Amino acid sequence: MQLFLQLNLAAPADPMTGTVGDTNWSANVTAYPKSMSPHQPATAWAGTYTMLFPPDTTALRSCRYGYGLGTIGPNGGLNI
C-alpha cells in the first residue's frame, strides 16, 4: 500500500491532498490542517498511537510488518 500526499508550503492553511492504495484500488485523501495553541489544545487527539508499517512487496528478500509508536502532544505535534 502506498500513500502520496501533496502539501502547499506557500499556503499552509490549504488542505493536503493525495491518494492511498495499491495496484488493485486507490482512494482520494484530503486532510485539513487544524491550528493548535495553548488556547485551543489538541487534547482530543493527544496520546500515544501504534503505527503499522506493511512489508515492501517489491523487496528481493522476505520482509515482515514493522511497527512503531507515535505520540501526539497537546500542541498537535507528532513525535515518533
Protein backbone atom coordinates (compact mmCIF):
# COMPACT_ATOMS: atom_id res chain seq x y z
CA MET A 1 0.00 0.00 0.00
CA GLN A 2 1.25 3.49 -0.78
CA LEU A 3 0.28 6.94 0.44
CA PHE A 4 1.01 10.02 -1.64
CA LEU A 5 0.37 13.47 -0.14
CA GLN A 6 0.79 16.93 -1.61
CA LEU A 7 1.33 19.91 0.67
CA ASN A 8 1.41 23.54 -0.44
CA LEU A 9 4.10 25.09 1.78
CA ALA A 10 3.34 28.54 0.36
CA ALA A 11 -0.22 28.26 1.69
CA PRO A 12 -0.08 26.04 4.82
CA ALA A 13 -3.80 26.64 5.52
CA ASP A 14 -4.68 24.76 2.30
CA PRO A 15 -5.61 21.08 2.71
CA MET A 16 -3.21 18.26 1.91
CA THR A 17 -4.45 16.13 -0.95
CA GLY A 18 -3.34 12.82 -2.36
CA THR A 19 -4.14 9.14 -2.79
CA VAL A 20 -3.80 5.90 -0.85
CA GLY A 21 -3.93 2.43 -2.36
CA ASP A 22 -2.13 -0.30 -4.23
CA THR A 23 -2.24 -1.82 -7.72
CA ASN A 24 -5.84 -3.05 -7.22
CA TRP A 25 -7.54 0.03 -5.73
CA SER A 26 -6.99 3.62 -4.73
CA ALA A 27 -8.85 6.30 -2.81
CA ASN A 28 -8.51 10.06 -2.71
CA VAL A 29 -7.32 11.60 0.55
CA THR A 30 -7.94 15.13 1.79
CA ALA A 31 -6.56 16.30 5.13
CA TYR A 32 -7.48 19.70 6.50
CA PRO A 33 -4.99 21.42 8.82
CA LYS A 34 -6.11 22.31 12.31
CA SER A 35 -4.36 25.03 14.28
CA MET A 36 -3.43 24.16 17.83
CA SER A 37 -2.44 26.63 20.52
CA PRO A 38 -2.44 26.90 24.32
CA HIS A 39 -5.95 28.35 24.00
CA GLN A 40 -7.07 25.59 21.61
CA PRO A 41 -5.10 22.44 22.55
CA ALA A 42 -5.21 19.10 20.72
CA THR A 43 -6.49 17.28 23.80
CA ALA A 44 -9.00 15.24 21.77
CA TRP A 45 -6.11 13.66 19.80
CA ALA A 46 -3.28 13.80 22.34
CA GLY A 47 -1.91 10.41 23.30
CA THR A 48 0.24 7.52 22.11
CA TYR A 49 -0.69 5.59 18.97
CA THR A 50 0.64 2.40 17.39
CA MET A 51 1.61 2.66 13.72
CA LEU A 52 1.82 -0.38 11.45
CA PHE A 53 4.24 -0.41 8.51
CA PRO A 54 3.46 -3.03 5.85
CA PRO A 55 6.29 -5.02 4.23
CA ASP A 56 7.83 -3.95 0.96
CA THR A 57 6.43 -6.48 -1.50
CA THR A 58 8.98 -5.44 -4.14
CA ALA A 59 11.98 -6.40 -1.96
CA LEU A 60 14.20 -9.22 -3.15
CA ARG A 61 14.13 -10.87 0.26
CA SER A 62 11.26 -11.68 2.57
CA CYS A 63 10.12 -8.75 4.70
CA ARG A 64 7.76 -8.57 7.64
CA TYR A 65 5.49 -5.95 9.06
CA GLY A 66 7.06 -3.29 11.24
CA TYR A 67 5.51 -1.17 13.93
CA GLY A 68 6.26 1.91 15.96
CA LEU A 69 4.79 4.28 18.48
CA GLY A 70 3.91 7.90 17.85
CA THR A 71 2.86 10.45 20.43
CA ILE A 72 0.66 13.45 19.66
CA GLY A 73 1.21 16.28 22.13
CA PRO A 74 -1.28 18.94 23.21
CA ASN A 75 0.22 21.32 20.64
CA GLY A 76 -0.66 18.88 17.82
CA GLY A 77 2.96 17.88 17.17
CA LEU A 78 3.83 14.25 16.38
CA ASN A 79 6.88 12.58 17.91
CA ILE A 80 7.94 9.20 16.54
